[in-house]
C-alpha atoms as a PDB file:
ATOM      1  CA  MET A   1       0.000   0.000   0.000  1.00  0.00           C
ATOM      2  CA  THR A   2       1.248   3.440  -0.866  1.00  0.00           C
ATOM      3  CA  ARG A   3       0.439   6.061   1.703  1.00  0.00           C
ATOM      4  CA  ASP A   4       1.059   9.792   1.493  1.00  0.00           C
ATOM      5  CA  LEU A   5       1.302  11.227   4.985  1.00  0.00           C
ATOM      6  CA  PRO A   6       0.771  14.993   5.085  1.00  0.00           C
ATOM      7  CA  LEU A   7       3.295  17.192   6.794  1.00  0.00           C
ATOM      8  CA  PHE A   8       2.721  20.198   8.978  1.00  0.00           C
ATOM      9  CA  HIS A   9       4.646  23.410   8.504  1.00  0.00           C
ATOM     10  CA  LEU A  10       3.494  25.733  11.237  1.00  0.00           C
ATOM     11  CA  ARG A  11      -0.306  25.357  11.202  1.00  0.00           C
ATOM     12  CA  ASP A  12      -0.801  24.420   7.572  1.00  0.00           C
ATOM     13  CA  ALA A  13      -0.903  20.907   6.177  1.00  0.00           C
ATOM     14  CA  VAL A  14       1.740  20.555   3.470  1.00  0.00           C
ATOM     15  CA  PRO A  15       1.855  17.705   0.914  1.00  0.00           C
ATOM     16  CA  TRP A  16       5.103  15.957   0.034  1.00  0.00           C
ATOM     17  CA  ASP A  17       5.202  17.505  -3.447  1.00  0.00           C
ATOM     18  CA  ARG A  18       5.432  20.929  -1.840  1.00  0.00           C
ATOM     19  CA  VAL A  19       8.177  19.853   0.574  1.00  0.00           C
ATOM     20  CA  LEU A  20      10.222  18.387  -2.282  1.00  0.00           C
ATOM     21  CA  GLU A  21      10.357  21.825  -3.906  1.00  0.00           C
ATOM     22  CA  GLU A  22      12.494  23.191  -1.064  1.00  0.00           C
ATOM     23  CA  ARG A  23      16.251  23.467  -1.557  1.00  0.00           C
ATOM     24  CA  CYS A  24      16.739  22.185   1.963  1.00  0.00           C
ATOM     25  CA  ALA A  25      14.117  20.831   4.370  1.00  0.00           C
ATOM     26  CA  VAL A  26      14.215  19.162   7.760  1.00  0.00           C
ATOM     27  CA  ILE A  27      11.652  16.470   8.597  1.00  0.00           C
ATOM     28  CA  LEU A  28      11.010  16.025  12.315  1.00  0.00           C
ATOM     29  CA  GLY A  29       9.245  13.114  13.977  1.00  0.00           C
ATOM     30  CA  GLU A  30       9.688  10.894  17.001  1.00  0.00           C
ATOM     31  CA  ALA A  31      10.484   7.181  16.802  1.00  0.00           C
ATOM     32  CA  GLY A  32       7.809   5.199  14.986  1.00  0.00           C
ATOM     33  CA  THR A  33       6.477   8.086  12.910  1.00  0.00           C
ATOM     34  CA  GLY A  34       7.917   6.606   9.725  1.00  0.00           C
ATOM     35  CA  LYS A  35      10.690   9.048   8.786  1.00  0.00           C
ATOM     36  CA  THR A  36      13.001   6.419   7.291  1.00  0.00           C
ATOM     37  CA  THR A  37      10.133   4.574   5.606  1.00  0.00           C
ATOM     38  CA  GLU A  38       8.929   7.813   4.053  1.00  0.00           C
ATOM     39  CA  PHE A  39      12.396   8.646   2.766  1.00  0.00           C
ATOM     40  CA  PHE A  40      12.720   5.317   0.986  1.00  0.00           C
ATOM     41  CA  LEU A  41       9.184   5.612  -0.377  1.00  0.00           C
ATOM     42  CA  ARG A  42       9.876   9.110  -1.712  1.00  0.00           C
ATOM     43  CA  ARG A  43      13.063   7.839  -3.352  1.00  0.00           C
ATOM     44  CA  GLU A  44      11.144   5.031  -5.029  1.00  0.00           C
ATOM     45  CA  LEU A  45       8.443   7.369  -6.320  1.00  0.00           C
ATOM     46  CA  LEU A  46      10.994   9.878  -7.609  1.00  0.00           C
ATOM     47  CA  GLU A  47      12.973   7.174  -9.388  1.00  0.00           C
ATOM     48  CA  ARG A  48       9.799   5.912 -11.053  1.00  0.00           C
ATOM     49  CA  ALA A  49       9.307   9.457 -12.344  1.00  0.00           C
ATOM     50  CA  GLY A  50      12.835   9.392 -13.773  1.00  0.00           C
ATOM     51  CA  GLN A  51      14.409  11.670 -11.177  1.00  0.00           C
ATOM     52  CA  PRO A  52      17.624  10.658  -9.375  1.00  0.00           C
ATOM     53  CA  ALA A  53      17.204  10.234  -5.618  1.00  0.00           C
ATOM     54  CA  PHE A  54      19.451   8.842  -2.882  1.00  0.00           C
ATOM     55  CA  VAL A  55      18.958   7.902   0.773  1.00  0.00           C
ATOM     56  CA  LEU A  56      22.093   8.358   2.897  1.00  0.00           C
ATOM     57  CA  ALA A  57      22.550   7.656   6.610  1.00  0.00           C
ATOM     58  CA  VAL A  58      23.962  10.732   8.352  1.00  0.00           C
ATOM     59  CA  GLU A  59      26.190   8.530  10.515  1.00  0.00           C
ATOM     60  CA  GLU A  60      27.856   7.042   7.430  1.00  0.00           C
ATOM     61  CA  LEU A  61      27.985  10.273   5.437  1.00  0.00           C
ATOM     62  CA  ALA A  62      29.840  11.893   8.351  1.00  0.00           C
ATOM     63  CA  ILE A  63      32.866   9.661   7.683  1.00  0.00           C
ATOM     64  CA  LYS A  64      32.564   8.732   3.995  1.00  0.00           C
ATOM     65  CA  PRO A  65      32.005  10.502   0.676  1.00  0.00           C
ATOM     66  CA  VAL A  66      28.675  10.124  -1.106  1.00  0.00           C
ATOM     67  CA  THR A  67      29.968   7.707  -3.729  1.00  0.00           C
ATOM     68  CA  ALA A  68      31.262   5.320  -1.059  1.00  0.00           C
ATOM     69  CA  LEU A  69      27.691   4.897   0.203  1.00  0.00           C
ATOM     70  CA  LEU A  70      26.128   4.054  -3.158  1.00  0.00           C
ATOM     71  CA  ASP A  71      25.730   0.668  -4.810  1.00  0.00           C
ATOM     72  CA  SER A  72      26.834   0.225  -8.432  1.00  0.00           C
ATOM     73  CA  ASP A  73      23.461   1.230  -9.925  1.00  0.00           C
ATOM     74  CA  GLU A  74      23.205   4.295  -7.680  1.00  0.00           C
ATOM     75  CA  GLU A  75      26.783   5.297  -8.453  1.00  0.00           C
ATOM     76  CA  GLU A  76      26.008   5.151 -12.163  1.00  0.00           C
ATOM     77  CA  GLN A  77      22.888   7.237 -11.596  1.00  0.00           C
ATOM     78  CA  PHE A  78      24.867   9.766  -9.546  1.00  0.00           C
ATOM     79  CA  SER A  79      27.540  10.035 -12.217  1.00  0.00           C
ATOM     80  CA  ALA A  80      24.987  10.514 -15.002  1.00  0.00           C
ATOM     81  CA  TRP A  81      23.216  13.223 -13.008  1.00  0.00           C
ATOM     82  CA  GLY A  82      26.507  15.058 -12.503  1.00  0.00           C
ATOM     83  CA  SER A  83      26.783  15.798 -16.212  1.00  0.00           C
ATOM     84  CA  ALA A  84      23.078  16.485 -16.739  1.00  0.00           C
ATOM     85  CA  GLU A  85      20.967  19.521 -15.886  1.00  0.00           C
ATOM     86  CA  THR A  86      18.261  17.806 -13.842  1.00  0.00           C
ATOM     87  CA  ILE A  87      17.436  18.017 -10.143  1.00  0.00           C
ATOM     88  CA  ALA A  88      18.527  15.244  -7.754  1.00  0.00           C
ATOM     89  CA  TYR A  89      17.182  14.523  -4.281  1.00  0.00           C
ATOM     90  CA  PHE A  90      19.316  13.589  -1.281  1.00  0.00           C
ATOM     91  CA  PHE A  91      17.593  12.199   1.814  1.00  0.00           C
ATOM     92  CA  LEU A  92      19.902  12.376   4.841  1.00  0.00           C
ATOM     93  CA  ASP A  93      18.463  10.058   7.450  1.00  0.00           C
ATOM     94  CA  ALA A  94      18.645   9.950  11.253  1.00  0.00           C
ATOM     95  CA  VAL A  95      20.623  12.900  12.619  1.00  0.00           C
ATOM     96  CA  ASP A  96      19.635  11.774  16.136  1.00  0.00           C
ATOM     97  CA  GLU A  97      21.091   8.266  15.819  1.00  0.00           C
ATOM     98  CA  ALA A  98      24.314   9.591  14.315  1.00  0.00           C
ATOM     99  CA  ARG A  99      24.849  12.038  17.171  1.00  0.00           C
ATOM    100  CA  LEU A 100      24.766   9.287  19.769  1.00  0.00           C
ATOM    101  CA  ARG A 101      28.067   8.041  18.386  1.00  0.00           C
ATOM    102  CA  ASN A 102      29.546  11.290  17.094  1.00  0.00           C
ATOM    103  CA  ALA A 103      28.476  14.669  18.471  1.00  0.00           C
ATOM    104  CA  LYS A 104      29.814  16.421  15.338  1.00  0.00           C
ATOM    105  CA  SER A 105      28.190  14.032  12.860  1.00  0.00           C
ATOM    106  CA  LEU A 106      25.777  16.560  11.323  1.00  0.00           C
ATOM    107  CA  PRO A 107      28.338  19.215  10.291  1.00  0.00           C
ATOM    108  CA  SER A 108      30.719  16.470   9.104  1.00  0.00           C
ATOM    109  CA  ALA A 109      27.989  14.888   6.973  1.00  0.00           C
ATOM    110  CA  LEU A 110      26.940  18.264   5.556  1.00  0.00           C
ATOM    111  CA  ARG A 111      30.513  19.164   4.628  1.00  0.00           C
ATOM    112  CA  ASN A 112      31.042  15.824   2.897  1.00  0.00           C
ATOM    113  CA  LEU A 113      27.829  16.319   0.940  1.00  0.00           C
ATOM    114  CA  GLU A 114      28.707  19.905   0.047  1.00  0.00           C
ATOM    115  CA  ARG A 115      32.154  18.866  -1.151  1.00  0.00           C
ATOM    116  CA  ASP A 116      30.771  16.053  -3.325  1.00  0.00           C
ATOM    117  CA  LEU A 117      28.036  18.283  -4.761  1.00  0.00           C
ATOM    118  CA  ARG A 118      30.225  21.326  -5.327  1.00  0.00           C
ATOM    119  CA  GLY A 119      28.949  23.149  -8.398  1.00  0.00           C
ATOM    120  CA  LYS A 120      25.724  21.141  -8.326  1.00  0.00           C
ATOM    121  CA  LEU A 121      24.129  22.292  -5.059  1.00  0.00           C
ATOM    122  CA  ALA A 122      21.764  24.658  -6.870  1.00  0.00           C
ATOM    123  CA  ARG A 123      20.101  21.688  -8.575  1.00  0.00           C
ATOM    124  CA  SER A 124      20.086  19.516  -5.476  1.00  0.00           C
ATOM    125  CA  ARG A 125      17.242  19.100  -3.026  1.00  0.00           C
ATOM    126  CA  VAL A 126      18.304  17.966   0.452  1.00  0.00           C
ATOM    127  CA  LEU A 127      15.928  16.558   3.068  1.00  0.00           C
ATOM    128  CA  ILE A 128      17.205  15.742   6.561  1.00  0.00           C
ATOM    129  CA  SER A 129      15.391  13.665   9.184  1.00  0.00           C
ATOM    130  CA  CYS A 130      15.704  13.973  12.957  1.00  0.00           C
ATOM    131  CA  ARG A 131      13.705  13.212  16.067  1.00  0.00           C
ATOM    132  CA  GLY A 132      11.935  16.361  17.181  1.00  0.00           C
ATOM    133  CA  SER A 133      13.252  15.937  20.723  1.00  0.00           C
ATOM    134  CA  ASP A 134      16.819  15.894  19.410  1.00  0.00           C
ATOM    135  CA  TRP A 135      16.544  18.847  17.027  1.00  0.00           C
ATOM    136  CA  ARG A 136      18.522  21.965  18.032  1.00  0.00           C
ATOM    137  CA  ALA A 137      16.341  24.598  16.468  1.00  0.00           C
ATOM    138  CA  GLN A 138      18.863  27.425  16.261  1.00  0.00           C
ATOM    139  CA  SER A 139      22.285  25.803  15.986  1.00  0.00           C
ATOM    140  CA  ASP A 140      21.263  22.986  13.625  1.00  0.00           C
ATOM    141  CA  ARG A 141      19.402  25.321  11.324  1.00  0.00           C
ATOM    142  CA  ARG A 142      22.336  27.732  11.294  1.00  0.00           C
ATOM    143  CA  GLU A 143      24.759  24.891  10.538  1.00  0.00           C
ATOM    144  CA  ILE A 144      22.710  23.636   7.596  1.00  0.00           C
ATOM    145  CA  GLN A 145      22.171  27.145   6.250  1.00  0.00           C
ATOM    146  CA  SER A 146      25.864  28.032   6.397  1.00  0.00           C
ATOM    147  CA  ILE A 147      27.035  24.858   4.642  1.00  0.00           C
ATOM    148  CA  LEU A 148      24.330  23.966   2.113  1.00  0.00           C
ATOM    149  CA  LEU A 149      22.793  27.391   1.427  1.00  0.00           C
ATOM    150  CA  LYS A 150      25.875  29.554   1.937  1.00  0.00           C
ATOM    151  CA  GLY A 151      25.659  32.851   0.112  1.00  0.00           C
ATOM    152  CA  ASP A 152      22.058  32.324  -1.003  1.00  0.00           C
ATOM    153  CA  ALA A 153      19.992  34.914   0.854  1.00  0.00           C
ATOM    154  CA  GLN A 154      16.873  33.923  -1.105  1.00  0.00           C
ATOM    155  CA  GLN A 155      16.810  30.433   0.418  1.00  0.00           C
ATOM    156  CA  GLU A 156      16.301  29.258   3.967  1.00  0.00           C
ATOM    157  CA  VAL A 157      16.103  25.934   5.742  1.00  0.00           C
ATOM    158  CA  LYS A 158      12.451  24.929   6.138  1.00  0.00           C
ATOM    159  CA  VAL A 159      11.434  22.696   9.049  1.00  0.00           C
ATOM    160  CA  PHE A 160       8.447  20.356   8.860  1.00  0.00           C
ATOM    161  CA  ALA A 161       6.989  17.775  11.226  1.00  0.00           C
ATOM    162  CA  LEU A 162       5.315  14.536  10.263  1.00  0.00           C
ATOM    163  CA  ALA A 163       1.633  14.838  11.044  1.00  0.00           C
ATOM    164  CA  PRO A 164      -0.171  12.227  13.157  1.00  0.00           C
ATOM    165  CA  LEU A 165      -2.187   9.640  11.268  1.00  0.00           C
ATOM    166  CA  VAL A 166      -5.871  10.416  10.834  1.00  0.00           C
ATOM    167  CA  GLU A 167      -8.435   7.623  11.261  1.00  0.00           C
ATOM    168  CA  GLU A 168      -8.819   7.080   7.519  1.00  0.00           C
ATOM    169  CA  GLN A 169      -5.100   6.397   7.259  1.00  0.00           C
ATOM    170  CA  VAL A 170      -5.185   4.102  10.298  1.00  0.00           C
ATOM    171  CA  VAL A 171      -7.954   2.060   8.663  1.00  0.00           C
ATOM    172  CA  LEU A 172      -6.040   1.800   5.384  1.00  0.00           C
ATOM    173  CA  LEU A 173      -2.819   0.859   7.150  1.00  0.00           C
ATOM    174  CA  ALA A 174      -4.406  -1.762   9.427  1.00  0.00           C
ATOM    175  CA  LYS A 175      -6.688  -3.280   6.797  1.00  0.00           C
ATOM    176  CA  HIS A 176      -4.725  -3.181   3.569  1.00  0.00           C
ATOM    177  CA  TYR A 177      -1.135  -3.286   4.795  1.00  0.00           C
ATOM    178  CA  TYR A 178      -1.430  -5.486   7.889  1.00  0.00           C
ATOM    179  CA  GLY A 179      -4.466  -7.458   6.676  1.00  0.00           C
ATOM    180  CA  LEU A 180      -6.642  -6.817   9.736  1.00  0.00           C
ATOM    181  CA  GLU A 181     -10.267  -7.732   8.984  1.00  0.00           C
ATOM    182  CA  ASP A 182     -12.113  -6.430  12.059  1.00  0.00           C
ATOM    183  CA  VAL A 183     -10.717  -2.897  11.884  1.00  0.00           C
ATOM    184  CA  GLU A 184     -13.835  -1.206  13.258  1.00  0.00           C
ATOM    185  CA  ALA A 185     -13.815  -3.358  16.404  1.00  0.00           C
ATOM    186  CA  PHE A 186     -10.084  -2.782  16.745  1.00  0.00           C
ATOM    187  CA  ILE A 187     -10.442   1.017  16.653  1.00  0.00           C
ATOM    188  CA  ARG A 188     -13.506   0.938  18.911  1.00  0.00           C
ATOM    189  CA  GLU A 189     -11.656  -1.070  21.572  1.00  0.00           C
ATOM    190  CA  THR A 190      -8.623   1.195  21.296  1.00  0.00           C
ATOM    191  CA  ARG A 191     -10.832   4.212  22.003  1.00  0.00           C
ATOM    192  CA  ARG A 192     -12.516   2.402  24.923  1.00  0.00           C
ATOM    193  CA  ALA A 193      -9.123   1.782  26.522  1.00  0.00           C
ATOM    194  CA  GLY A 194      -8.186   5.444  26.125  1.00  0.00           C
ATOM    195  CA  ALA A 195      -5.281   4.396  23.925  1.00  0.00           C
ATOM    196  CA  TYR A 196      -6.146   6.022  20.617  1.00  0.00           C
ATOM    197  CA  SER A 197      -2.931   8.062  20.787  1.00  0.00           C
ATOM    198  CA  TYR A 198      -1.143   4.784  19.957  1.00  0.00           C
ATOM    199  CA  LEU A 199      -2.730   4.967  16.509  1.00  0.00           C
ATOM    200  CA  GLU A 200      -1.114   8.271  15.601  1.00  0.00           C
ATOM    201  CA  ARG A 201       2.219   6.738  14.499  1.00  0.00           C
ATOM    202  CA  PRO A 202       2.677   3.972  11.900  1.00  0.00           C
ATOM    203  CA  GLY A 203       5.132   2.079  14.110  1.00  0.00           C
ATOM    204  CA  ASP A 204       2.633   1.958  16.971  1.00  0.00           C
ATOM    205  CA  VAL A 205      -0.183   0.896  14.650  1.00  0.00           C
ATOM    206  CA  ALA A 206       1.913  -2.130  13.651  1.00  0.00           C
ATOM    207  CA  TRP A 207       2.512  -3.023  17.289  1.00  0.00           C
ATOM    208  CA  LEU A 208      -1.110  -2.506  18.354  1.00  0.00           C
ATOM    209  CA  VAL A 209      -2.417  -4.653  15.486  1.00  0.00           C
ATOM    210  CA  SER A 210      -0.038  -7.416  16.591  1.00  0.00           C
ATOM    211  CA  HIS A 211      -1.169  -6.981  20.211  1.00  0.00           C
ATOM    212  CA  TRP A 212      -4.848  -7.188  19.165  1.00  0.00           C
ATOM    213  CA  ARG A 213      -4.295 -10.330  17.149  1.00  0.00           C
ATOM    214  CA  GLU A 214      -2.443 -12.025  19.979  1.00  0.00           C
ATOM    215  CA  HIS A 215      -4.822 -11.124  22.808  1.00  0.00           C
ATOM    216  CA  ARG A 216      -8.083 -10.396  20.950  1.00  0.00           C
ATOM    217  CA  THR A 217      -8.497  -7.444  23.268  1.00  0.00           C
ATOM    218  CA  ILE A 218      -6.751  -4.148  23.967  1.00  0.00           C
ATOM    219  CA  GLY A 219      -6.928  -4.564  27.747  1.00  0.00           C
ATOM    220  CA  THR A 220      -6.558  -1.707  30.205  1.00  0.00           C
ATOM    221  CA  TYR A 221      -4.425   1.314  29.486  1.00  0.00           C
ATOM    222  CA  THR A 222      -1.957   0.258  32.203  1.00  0.00           C
ATOM    223  CA  GLN A 223      -1.606  -3.216  30.669  1.00  0.00           C
ATOM    224  CA  LEU A 224      -1.111  -1.664  27.246  1.00  0.00           C
ATOM    225  CA  ILE A 225       1.651   0.648  28.457  1.00  0.00           C
ATOM    226  CA  ALA A 226       3.471  -2.262  30.126  1.00  0.00           C
ATOM    227  CA  SER A 227       3.249  -4.356  26.975  1.00  0.00           C
ATOM    228  CA  ASN A 228       4.357  -1.455  24.789  1.00  0.00           C
ATOM    229  CA  VAL A 229       7.368  -0.685  26.977  1.00  0.00           C
ATOM    230  CA  ASP A 230       8.438  -4.344  27.011  1.00  0.00           C
ATOM    231  CA  ARG A 231       8.273  -4.436  23.218  1.00  0.00           C
ATOM    232  CA  LYS A 232      10.192  -1.198  22.745  1.00  0.00           C
ATOM    233  CA  LEU A 233      12.903  -2.241  25.170  1.00  0.00           C
ATOM    234  CA  ARG A 234      13.567  -5.167  22.835  1.00  0.00           C
ATOM    235  CA  GLU A 235      13.872  -2.990  19.732  1.00  0.00           C
ATOM    236  CA  ARG A 236      17.363  -2.604  18.348  1.00  0.00           C
ATOM    237  CA  ASN A 237      19.002  -1.228  15.256  1.00  0.00           C
ATOM    238  CA  ARG A 238      19.272  -4.305  13.080  1.00  0.00           C
ATOM    239  CA  ASP A 239      22.733  -3.267  11.921  1.00  0.00           C
ATOM    240  CA  ARG A 240      24.199  -3.319  15.428  1.00  0.00           C
ATOM    241  CA  ARG A 241      24.551  -6.018  18.030  1.00  0.00           C
ATOM    242  CA  PRO A 242      22.941  -4.857  21.305  1.00  0.00           C
ATOM    243  CA  SER A 243      25.111  -4.685  24.410  1.00  0.00           C
ATOM    244  CA  LEU A 244      22.136  -4.292  26.767  1.00  0.00           C
ATOM    245  CA  SER A 245      19.870  -7.274  27.447  1.00  0.00           C
ATOM    246  CA  PRO A 246      16.109  -6.517  27.543  1.00  0.00           C
ATOM    247  CA  ALA A 247      16.090  -7.246  31.293  1.00  0.00           C
ATOM    248  CA  LYS A 248      18.970  -4.858  31.992  1.00  0.00           C
ATOM    249  CA  ALA A 249      17.447  -2.224  29.728  1.00  0.00           C
ATOM    250  CA  LYS A 250      14.136  -2.468  31.594  1.00  0.00           C
ATOM    251  CA  LEU A 251      15.783  -2.016  35.004  1.00  0.00           C
ATOM    252  CA  ALA A 252      17.712   1.003  33.733  1.00  0.00           C
ATOM    253  CA  ALA A 253      14.648   2.534  32.055  1.00  0.00           C
ATOM    254  CA  THR A 254      12.597   2.001  35.221  1.00  0.00           C
ATOM    255  CA  ALA A 255      15.243   3.786  37.304  1.00  0.00           C
ATOM    256  CA  LEU A 256      15.318   6.739  34.894  1.00  0.00           C
ATOM    257  CA  ALA A 257      11.527   6.947  34.741  1.00  0.00           C
ATOM    258  CA  GLY A 258      11.205   6.763  38.531  1.00  0.00           C
ATOM    259  CA  LEU A 259      13.742   9.467  39.310  1.00  0.00           C
ATOM    260  CA  GLY A 260      12.503  11.590  36.429  1.00  0.00           C
ATOM    261  CA  THR A 261       8.993  11.421  37.868  1.00  0.00           C
ATOM    262  CA  LEU A 262      10.175  12.295  41.393  1.00  0.00           C
ATOM    263  CA  GLN A 263      12.236  15.239  40.136  1.00  0.00           C
ATOM    264  CA  ARG A 264       9.653  16.206  37.520  1.00  0.00           C
ATOM    265  CA  LYS A 265      12.201  15.984  34.732  1.00  0.00           C
ATOM    266  CA  ALA A 266      11.152  14.368  31.450  1.00  0.00           C
ATOM    267  CA  SER A 267      14.377  15.049  29.541  1.00  0.00           C
ATOM    268  CA  PHE A 268      17.634  13.114  29.717  1.00  0.00           C
ATOM    269  CA  VAL A 269      21.145  14.237  28.884  1.00  0.00           C
ATOM    270  CA  ILE A 270      22.871  12.302  26.097  1.00  0.00           C
ATOM    271  CA  PRO A 271      26.660  11.821  26.451  1.00  0.00           C
ATOM    272  CA  ASP A 272      29.140  13.820  24.395  1.00  0.00           C
ATOM    273  CA  GLY A 273      26.840  16.519  23.112  1.00  0.00           C
ATOM    274  CA  GLU A 274      25.966  20.150  23.711  1.00  0.00           C
ATOM    275  CA  LEU A 275      23.410  21.392  26.225  1.00  0.00           C
ATOM    276  CA  ASP A 276      22.471  24.963  27.017  1.00  0.00           C
ATOM    277  CA  SER A 277      22.100  26.121  30.614  1.00  0.00           C
ATOM    278  CA  GLU A 278      18.306  26.289  30.431  1.00  0.00           C
ATOM    279  CA  ARG A 279      17.960  22.663  29.333  1.00  0.00           C
ATOM    280  CA  ALA A 280      20.634  21.543  31.790  1.00  0.00           C
ATOM    281  CA  ALA A 281      18.444  22.744  34.652  1.00  0.00           C
ATOM    282  CA  THR A 282      15.477  20.667  33.490  1.00  0.00           C
ATOM    283  CA  SER A 283      17.301  17.528  32.292  1.00  0.00           C
ATOM    284  CA  LEU A 284      18.324  14.417  34.208  1.00  0.00           C
ATOM    285  CA  GLU A 285      21.893  13.099  33.947  1.00  0.00           C
ATOM    286  CA  PRO A 286      21.558   9.328  33.289  1.00  0.00           C
ATOM    287  CA  SER A 287      25.116   8.501  34.372  1.00  0.00           C
ATOM    288  CA  ALA A 288      24.302   9.767  37.878  1.00  0.00           C
ATOM    289  CA  VAL A 289      21.336   7.385  38.053  1.00  0.00           C
ATOM    290  CA  LEU A 290      22.946   4.449  36.267  1.00  0.00           C
ATOM    291  CA  PRO A 291      26.550   4.220  37.532  1.00  0.00           C
ATOM    292  CA  ASP A 292      26.829   0.551  36.483  1.00  0.00           C
ATOM    293  CA  LEU A 293      26.191   1.326  32.803  1.00  0.00           C
ATOM    294  CA  THR A 294      28.896   2.460  30.406  1.00  0.00           C
ATOM    295  CA  ARG A 295      28.449   5.600  28.314  1.00  0.00           C
ATOM    296  CA  GLY A 296      27.870   3.369  25.308  1.00  0.00           C
ATOM    297  CA  GLU A 297      25.147   1.409  27.100  1.00  0.00           C
ATOM    298  CA  ILE A 298      23.455   4.630  28.214  1.00  0.00           C
ATOM    299  CA  ALA A 299      23.551   5.924  24.644  1.00  0.00           C
ATOM    300  CA  GLU A 300      22.052   2.635  23.433  1.00  0.00           C
ATOM    301  CA  LEU A 301      19.281   2.823  26.048  1.00  0.00           C
ATOM    302  CA  LEU A 302      18.369   6.334  24.939  1.00  0.00           C
ATOM    303  CA  THR A 303      17.970   5.261  21.313  1.00  0.00           C
ATOM    304  CA  LEU A 304      15.061   2.991  22.248  1.00  0.00           C
ATOM    305  CA  PRO A 305      11.751   4.584  21.183  1.00  0.00           C
ATOM    306  CA  LEU A 306      10.136   4.963  24.597  1.00  0.00           C
ATOM    307  CA  ALA A 307       7.511   7.705  24.528  1.00  0.00           C
ATOM    308  CA  TRP A 308       8.641   9.248  27.816  1.00  0.00           C
ATOM    309  CA  ILE A 309      12.215   9.793  26.707  1.00  0.00           C
ATOM    310  CA  SER A 310      12.972  13.287  25.449  1.00  0.00           C
ATOM    311  CA  MET A 311      16.644  13.514  24.644  1.00  0.00           C
ATOM    312  CA  HIS A 312      18.996  16.434  25.171  1.00  0.00           C
ATOM    313  CA  ARG A 313      22.756  16.578  25.135  1.00  0.00           C
ATOM    314  CA  ASN A 314      25.558  17.517  27.510  1.00  0.00           C
END
């Protein structure tokens, strides 16, 4: 099923075609909102229309040139575009994940892209994804502007956020993509449990459909939260071997959630980053709560898509 999620720019709904017209755009969304999926879908649709498009992980682009990240077909496409006069699209994915391993990953990735596109930036369209909780509104925007739009006063970095799914999209996703037959009962029970917010993100729709099929009920809201947290604590980047077991991750997450609740702090400091004084006063330092975890394990814990984690850096 092909879906076309709208985007919000300020208060106005903006379709993807409009976003793709921007020289440089940032797409914000928390875990499970479908940023990566959308990027690959947009690439596929653009390629079908005969326009070159490439998806690049920010973490990899920070240490390698563009051509080193392309397969043979993509490299041929990139080379052909270089000598043509058409527009190409570059989707830079997951600023937030890259920063967990390299605090300077975004500027490094942008400089590598700028160097490889030198002379061709004017006919490039760059879209960058990041979790909203990890986006540094002023410094990130300034960094992108100075590297990719340097000297072009007519252009500015536009920031969009993926909009929540509406019920029509939930029905289409559950019925036609996940093959759920009793969609009406599923949505009705989700509303009864006060858990409709779990249907606002594609990733949560997938989980809730699986939960419904397994239990044939939604259960109470408390039961649903417990089940959702257990599932998300088991999620890992498929390209990396986890160092934290689900049991250890749950204990650590419980400790963070408990102290965060007591201190009324919903934000956590991520190692090796920047944090302004205002955020420092309202953010919890995980290493002070979890002395038995390494910095790498703490960083891994904070990549898990738990709804209560809002990430800041120190």
